[in-house]
Amino acid sequence: MAAIAPSVGPGRPSPADGDEDPPTEILRVSTSSDVKGLAGAIAGCVRSSGAVALEVVGAGALNQAVKASAVARSMLQAEGLDLVATPTFRRIEIDGEPRNALRLHLDHRFSPPA
């Protein structure tokens, strides 16, 4: 399922960005990403490292990312974890062409179990 594979090679931020984020798993999301599968990947990353980033280009991919984040939030609430999203814009390169991407940084905060 390449749509949620960690970002490597094309699609990585260019060095010109200058504001590199701390090392976090980056899941690339597309319009065709499976919401339940992506939600499971988000929940797994948050459980193991406490954070994950979703990188999207386009409205359809953003829609899938937001829906998957909501599902993952529901999955994690029973464990006392809540997700907080911080969006940032990134300049990336896809097939040699510069593009604008939105990166949703998902971090957890503790909350009482539901």
Protein backbone atom coordinates (compact mmCIF):
# COMPACT_ATOMS: atom_id res chain seq x y z
CA MET A 1 0.00 0.00 0.00
CA ALA A 2 2.33 2.74 -1.28
CA ALA A 3 -0.11 5.50 -0.34
CA ILE A 4 0.82 5.21 3.33
CA ALA A 5 4.46 4.18 3.02
CA PRO A 6 7.08 6.32 4.76
CA SER A 7 8.32 9.12 2.54
CA VAL A 8 11.63 8.43 0.83
CA GLY A 9 13.22 9.99 -2.23
CA PRO A 10 10.81 12.12 -4.27
CA GLY A 11 8.38 13.93 -2.04
CA ARG A 12 10.91 14.68 0.69
CA PRO A 13 11.34 18.31 1.69
CA SER A 14 14.08 20.12 -0.17
CA PRO A 15 17.07 21.39 1.85
CA ALA A 16 15.98 24.92 0.96
CA ASP A 17 13.11 24.57 3.43
CA GLY A 18 15.58 25.33 6.20
CA ASP A 19 13.10 24.46 8.99
CA GLU A 20 13.57 20.73 9.24
CA ASP A 21 11.22 19.00 11.64
CA PRO A 22 12.39 16.60 14.32
CA PRO A 23 12.62 13.03 13.02
CA THR A 24 9.09 11.66 12.77
CA GLU A 25 7.53 8.92 10.68
CA ILE A 26 6.05 10.56 7.57
CA LEU A 27 3.10 8.85 5.92
CA ARG A 28 2.28 10.05 2.42
CA VAL A 29 -1.46 10.13 1.77
CA SER A 30 -3.22 10.05 -1.59
CA THR A 31 -6.81 10.35 -2.73
CA SER A 32 -6.96 6.56 -2.99
CA SER A 33 -5.57 5.86 0.51
CA ASP A 34 -7.71 3.44 2.52
CA VAL A 35 -9.03 5.37 5.53
CA LYS A 36 -9.15 2.38 7.91
CA GLY A 37 -5.68 1.19 6.91
CA LEU A 38 -4.23 4.68 7.26
CA ALA A 39 -5.96 5.09 10.65
CA GLY A 40 -4.33 1.86 11.84
CA ALA A 41 -0.93 3.07 10.65
CA ILE A 42 -1.42 6.42 12.43
CA ALA A 43 -2.47 4.69 15.67
CA GLY A 44 0.52 2.32 15.47
CA CYS A 45 3.00 5.16 14.94
CA VAL A 46 1.51 7.20 17.78
CA ARG A 47 1.62 4.19 20.12
CA SER A 48 5.25 3.43 19.27
CA SER A 49 6.81 6.88 18.98
CA GLY A 50 4.19 9.35 20.20
CA ALA A 51 3.88 11.20 16.90
CA VAL A 52 3.44 10.87 13.15
CA ALA A 53 3.21 13.25 10.21
CA LEU A 54 0.81 12.96 7.27
CA GLU A 55 1.95 14.56 4.02
CA VAL A 56 -0.73 15.43 1.46
CA VAL A 57 -0.93 17.15 -1.90
CA GLY A 58 -4.42 18.09 -3.03
CA ALA A 59 -7.89 18.31 -1.59
CA GLY A 60 -8.75 14.61 -2.04
CA ALA A 61 -5.65 13.49 -0.16
CA LEU A 62 -6.34 15.99 2.61
CA ASN A 63 -9.88 14.63 2.91
CA GLN A 64 -8.57 11.08 3.38
CA ALA A 65 -5.96 12.25 5.91
CA VAL A 66 -8.49 14.12 8.04
CA LYS A 67 -10.96 11.20 8.03
CA ALA A 68 -8.18 8.75 8.96
CA SER A 69 -7.03 11.07 11.76
CA ALA A 70 -10.55 11.12 13.19
CA VAL A 71 -10.78 7.32 13.07
CA ALA A 72 -7.32 6.96 14.66
CA ARG A 73 -8.33 9.39 17.39
CA SER A 74 -11.32 7.18 18.21
CA MET A 75 -9.06 4.12 18.28
CA LEU A 76 -6.60 5.74 20.68
CA GLN A 77 -9.12 7.29 23.08
CA ALA A 78 -9.73 3.95 24.82
CA GLU A 79 -6.01 3.97 25.72
CA GLY A 80 -6.17 7.45 27.21
CA LEU A 81 -4.49 9.11 24.23
CA ASP A 82 -5.86 12.06 22.29
CA LEU A 83 -4.50 13.39 18.99
CA VAL A 84 -3.54 16.99 18.37
CA ALA A 85 -2.91 18.14 14.77
CA THR A 86 -0.59 20.94 13.76
CA PRO A 87 -0.64 21.75 10.03
CA THR A 88 2.35 23.20 8.18
CA PHE A 89 3.08 23.93 4.54
CA ARG A 90 6.07 22.30 2.88
CA ARG A 91 7.75 22.76 -0.48
CA ILE A 92 8.43 19.30 -1.95
CA GLU A 93 9.51 17.86 -5.26
CA ILE A 94 7.46 15.24 -7.11
CA ASP A 95 8.80 13.84 -10.40
CA GLY A 96 11.26 16.73 -10.61
CA GLU A 97 8.53 19.35 -10.22
CA PRO A 98 8.26 21.62 -7.17
CA ARG A 99 4.90 21.30 -5.37
CA ASN A 100 3.25 22.65 -2.26
CA ALA A 101 2.25 20.06 0.31
CA LEU A 102 0.43 20.20 3.60
CA ARG A 103 1.93 18.25 6.46
CA LEU A 104 -0.28 17.36 9.41
CA HIS A 105 1.83 16.69 12.50
CA LEU A 106 -0.14 14.41 14.82
CA ASP A 107 1.04 14.26 18.41
CA HIS A 108 -0.64 12.68 21.39
CA ARG A 109 -1.68 14.14 24.67
CA PHE A 110 -2.98 12.14 27.59
CA SER A 111 -6.65 12.29 28.39
CA PRO A 112 -8.87 10.25 30.69
CA PRO A 113 -10.15 7.07 28.99
CA ALA A 114 -13.68 7.42 27.61
